Amino acid sequence: MSFEGYNQVLCANGHLSEFDVYAELEKCSYCGAKFIWSHIVDQTNDEGKRFKFKKISDDQYDVCLTCGTKKLITPAVYKIP
C-alpha cells in the first residue's frame, strides 16, 4: 500500500506553500524563512481534508500597463494556527 498526499506549510512570516509529501523542503521559496507549521493532506483514498487558513492579507501584484501581465510582488499572509 502506498501513501499519496501533500503538505500544507506556513513559514515564520505566514506564507503558505503546498508541495508533495515526499519533497524535502525546509524554507519558504518566497522569503527564505523556515517552515514552522505543517498539515499533511492524505490523498491515498481521497480522505484527506485541506486545512482552512485565515488570511491576513491578499497577494499583491504589479500589473504591466502595456500588456496587463501580472507579477507577484508579495504573497498572501496567513494566520499561523
N, C-alpha and C. Protein backbone atom coordinates (compact mmCIF):
# COMPACT_ATOMS: atom_id res chain seq x y z
N MET A 1 0.85 -1.18 0.00
CA MET A 1 0.00 0.00 0.00
C MET A 1 0.89 1.24 0.00
N SER A 2 0.62 2.16 -0.87
CA SER A 2 1.42 3.37 -0.95
C SER A 2 0.66 4.55 -0.36
N PHE A 3 1.39 5.59 -0.03
CA PHE A 3 0.81 6.80 0.53
C PHE A 3 0.92 7.91 -0.50
N GLU A 4 -0.17 8.63 -0.71
CA GLU A 4 -0.17 9.78 -1.59
C GLU A 4 -0.72 10.97 -0.83
N GLY A 5 -0.11 12.12 -1.04
CA GLY A 5 -0.60 13.31 -0.38
C GLY A 5 0.35 14.48 -0.56
N TYR A 6 0.03 15.56 0.14
CA TYR A 6 0.88 16.74 0.06
C TYR A 6 0.86 17.48 1.40
N ASN A 7 1.86 18.31 1.59
CA ASN A 7 1.98 19.14 2.79
C ASN A 7 1.45 20.53 2.52
N GLN A 8 0.75 21.07 3.50
CA GLN A 8 0.43 22.49 3.53
C GLN A 8 1.30 23.04 4.65
N VAL A 9 2.15 24.01 4.36
CA VAL A 9 3.06 24.52 5.37
C VAL A 9 3.03 26.04 5.39
N LEU A 10 3.28 26.60 6.56
CA LEU A 10 3.41 28.04 6.72
C LEU A 10 4.81 28.34 7.24
N CYS A 11 5.42 29.37 6.67
CA CYS A 11 6.72 29.80 7.16
C CYS A 11 6.52 30.76 8.34
N ALA A 12 7.59 31.16 8.95
CA ALA A 12 7.52 32.05 10.11
C ALA A 12 6.87 33.39 9.77
N ASN A 13 6.85 33.76 8.48
CA ASN A 13 6.23 35.03 8.05
C ASN A 13 4.80 34.85 7.57
N GLY A 14 4.27 33.62 7.65
CA GLY A 14 2.88 33.37 7.29
C GLY A 14 2.61 33.08 5.83
N HIS A 15 3.64 32.80 5.04
CA HIS A 15 3.44 32.48 3.63
C HIS A 15 3.10 31.00 3.50
N LEU A 16 2.06 30.69 2.72
CA LEU A 16 1.60 29.32 2.51
C LEU A 16 2.30 28.68 1.33
N SER A 17 2.77 27.46 1.53
CA SER A 17 3.34 26.65 0.45
C SER A 17 2.67 25.29 0.49
N GLU A 18 2.53 24.67 -0.66
CA GLU A 18 2.00 23.32 -0.74
C GLU A 18 2.89 22.52 -1.68
N PHE A 19 3.29 21.33 -1.22
CA PHE A 19 4.17 20.51 -2.04
C PHE A 19 4.00 19.05 -1.68
N ASP A 20 4.44 18.16 -2.58
CA ASP A 20 4.33 16.73 -2.40
C ASP A 20 4.90 16.31 -1.05
N VAL A 21 4.26 15.34 -0.43
CA VAL A 21 4.65 14.91 0.91
C VAL A 21 6.08 14.35 0.93
N TYR A 22 6.57 13.88 -0.17
CA TYR A 22 7.92 13.32 -0.22
C TYR A 22 9.00 14.36 -0.52
N ALA A 23 8.62 15.57 -0.84
CA ALA A 23 9.60 16.63 -1.08
C ALA A 23 10.24 17.02 0.25
N GLU A 24 11.50 17.35 0.20
CA GLU A 24 12.23 17.70 1.41
C GLU A 24 12.60 19.18 1.39
N LEU A 25 11.61 20.01 1.54
CA LEU A 25 11.83 21.45 1.57
C LEU A 25 11.82 21.92 3.02
N GLU A 26 12.68 22.88 3.35
CA GLU A 26 12.78 23.37 4.72
C GLU A 26 12.51 24.86 4.84
N LYS A 27 12.58 25.57 3.72
CA LYS A 27 12.45 27.03 3.77
C LYS A 27 11.46 27.52 2.73
N CYS A 28 10.85 28.66 3.02
CA CYS A 28 9.90 29.32 2.14
C CYS A 28 10.60 29.75 0.85
N SER A 29 10.00 29.44 -0.28
CA SER A 29 10.60 29.83 -1.57
C SER A 29 10.51 31.33 -1.81
N TYR A 30 9.61 32.03 -1.11
CA TYR A 30 9.49 33.47 -1.31
C TYR A 30 10.46 34.26 -0.43
N CYS A 31 10.45 33.98 0.90
CA CYS A 31 11.24 34.81 1.81
C CYS A 31 12.41 34.09 2.47
N GLY A 32 12.49 32.77 2.33
CA GLY A 32 13.61 32.03 2.90
C GLY A 32 13.46 31.68 4.37
N ALA A 33 12.34 32.03 4.98
CA ALA A 33 12.12 31.72 6.40
C ALA A 33 11.82 30.23 6.56
N LYS A 34 12.15 29.68 7.71
CA LYS A 34 11.88 28.27 7.98
C LYS A 34 10.38 28.02 8.14
N PHE A 35 9.97 26.82 7.75
CA PHE A 35 8.59 26.40 7.95
C PHE A 35 8.39 26.10 9.44
N ILE A 36 7.29 26.61 9.99
CA ILE A 36 7.05 26.40 11.42
C ILE A 36 5.72 25.70 11.70
N TRP A 37 4.90 25.48 10.68
CA TRP A 37 3.61 24.81 10.87
C TRP A 37 3.32 23.98 9.63
N SER A 38 2.82 22.75 9.82
CA SER A 38 2.51 21.93 8.66
C SER A 38 1.27 21.07 8.91
N HIS A 39 0.64 20.70 7.81
CA HIS A 39 -0.53 19.84 7.82
C HIS A 39 -0.42 18.92 6.62
N ILE A 40 -0.52 17.61 6.84
CA ILE A 40 -0.45 16.65 5.75
C ILE A 40 -1.86 16.33 5.27
N VAL A 41 -2.08 16.45 3.97
CA VAL A 41 -3.35 16.10 3.35
C VAL A 41 -3.18 14.73 2.71
N ASP A 42 -3.85 13.73 3.25
CA ASP A 42 -3.76 12.35 2.78
C ASP A 42 -4.71 12.17 1.59
N GLN A 43 -4.15 11.87 0.43
CA GLN A 43 -4.95 11.66 -0.77
C GLN A 43 -4.99 10.20 -1.19
N THR A 44 -4.51 9.31 -0.34
CA THR A 44 -4.44 7.90 -0.68
C THR A 44 -5.81 7.35 -1.06
N ASN A 45 -6.80 7.60 -0.25
CA ASN A 45 -8.16 7.12 -0.53
C ASN A 45 -9.14 8.29 -0.63
N ASP A 46 -8.66 9.43 -1.05
CA ASP A 46 -9.46 10.66 -1.15
C ASP A 46 -10.13 11.01 0.17
N GLU A 47 -9.43 10.77 1.27
CA GLU A 47 -9.99 11.05 2.59
C GLU A 47 -9.43 12.32 3.21
N GLY A 48 -8.37 12.85 2.66
CA GLY A 48 -7.70 14.00 3.26
C GLY A 48 -8.50 15.28 3.12
N LYS A 49 -8.37 16.11 4.10
CA LYS A 49 -9.04 17.41 4.08
C LYS A 49 -8.01 18.51 4.18
N ARG A 50 -8.17 19.52 3.33
CA ARG A 50 -7.30 20.69 3.37
C ARG A 50 -7.59 21.49 4.63
N PHE A 51 -6.55 22.07 5.19
CA PHE A 51 -6.72 22.95 6.33
C PHE A 51 -7.16 24.31 5.81
N LYS A 52 -8.13 24.93 6.44
CA LYS A 52 -8.60 26.25 6.02
C LYS A 52 -7.92 27.31 6.87
N PHE A 53 -7.09 28.10 6.23
CA PHE A 53 -6.32 29.14 6.92
C PHE A 53 -7.08 30.45 6.93
N LYS A 54 -6.85 31.26 7.95
CA LYS A 54 -7.42 32.61 8.00
C LYS A 54 -6.41 33.54 7.33
N LYS A 55 -6.87 34.22 6.27
CA LYS A 55 -5.99 35.12 5.51
C LYS A 55 -5.90 36.47 6.21
N ILE A 56 -4.67 36.95 6.39
CA ILE A 56 -4.42 38.25 6.99
C ILE A 56 -4.31 39.32 5.91
N SER A 57 -3.64 38.98 4.81
CA SER A 57 -3.53 39.92 3.68
C SER A 57 -3.54 39.14 2.37
N ASP A 58 -3.98 39.77 1.31
CA ASP A 58 -4.06 39.16 -0.01
C ASP A 58 -2.74 39.28 -0.76
N ASP A 59 -2.63 38.49 -1.86
CA ASP A 59 -1.48 38.63 -2.77
C ASP A 59 -1.44 40.06 -3.29
N GLN A 60 -0.24 40.59 -3.46
CA GLN A 60 -0.05 41.91 -4.04
C GLN A 60 0.68 41.74 -5.37
N TYR A 61 0.12 42.31 -6.43
CA TYR A 61 0.68 42.17 -7.78
C TYR A 61 1.09 43.52 -8.36
N ASP A 62 2.07 43.45 -9.25
CA ASP A 62 2.44 44.59 -10.09
C ASP A 62 1.89 44.24 -11.46
N VAL A 63 1.08 45.12 -12.05
CA VAL A 63 0.46 44.84 -13.34
C VAL A 63 1.08 45.74 -14.41
N CYS A 64 1.52 45.13 -15.50
CA CYS A 64 2.08 45.88 -16.62
C CYS A 64 0.97 46.67 -17.29
N LEU A 65 1.16 47.97 -17.44
CA LEU A 65 0.15 48.82 -18.05
C LEU A 65 0.02 48.60 -19.55
N THR A 66 1.06 48.05 -20.17
CA THR A 66 1.04 47.82 -21.61
C THR A 66 0.32 46.53 -21.98
N CYS A 67 0.71 45.42 -21.33
CA CYS A 67 0.16 44.13 -21.74
C CYS A 67 -0.76 43.49 -20.69
N GLY A 68 -0.79 44.04 -19.50
CA GLY A 68 -1.66 43.51 -18.46
C GLY A 68 -1.12 42.30 -17.71
N THR A 69 0.13 41.92 -17.98
CA THR A 69 0.75 40.79 -17.28
C THR A 69 0.91 41.12 -15.80
N LYS A 70 0.54 40.14 -14.96
CA LYS A 70 0.66 40.33 -13.51
C LYS A 70 1.90 39.62 -12.98
N LYS A 71 2.63 40.31 -12.09
CA LYS A 71 3.80 39.73 -11.44
C LYS A 71 3.58 39.80 -9.93
N LEU A 72 3.72 38.65 -9.26
CA LEU A 72 3.52 38.61 -7.82
C LEU A 72 4.63 39.38 -7.12
N ILE A 73 4.25 40.36 -6.32
CA ILE A 73 5.21 41.15 -5.55
C ILE A 73 5.30 40.60 -4.12
N THR A 74 4.17 40.39 -3.48
CA THR A 74 4.11 39.87 -2.11
C THR A 74 3.00 38.82 -2.02
N PRO A 75 3.33 37.59 -1.59
CA PRO A 75 2.29 36.58 -1.47
C PRO A 75 1.39 36.85 -0.27
N ALA A 76 0.22 36.24 -0.29
CA ALA A 76 -0.73 36.37 0.83
C ALA A 76 -0.08 35.93 2.13
N VAL A 77 -0.55 36.51 3.22
CA VAL A 77 -0.06 36.13 4.55
C VAL A 77 -1.24 35.54 5.31
N TYR A 78 -0.98 34.41 5.97
CA TYR A 78 -2.00 33.70 6.70
C TYR A 78 -1.66 33.66 8.19
N LYS A 79 -2.72 33.58 9.01
CA LYS A 79 -2.54 33.48 10.45
C LYS A 79 -2.02 32.09 10.77
N ILE A 80 -1.00 32.02 11.60
CA ILE A 80 -0.43 30.74 12.00
C ILE A 80 -1.27 30.17 13.14
N PRO A 81 -1.84 28.98 12.96
CA PRO A 81 -2.71 28.40 13.99
C PRO A 81 -1.97 28.12 15.30
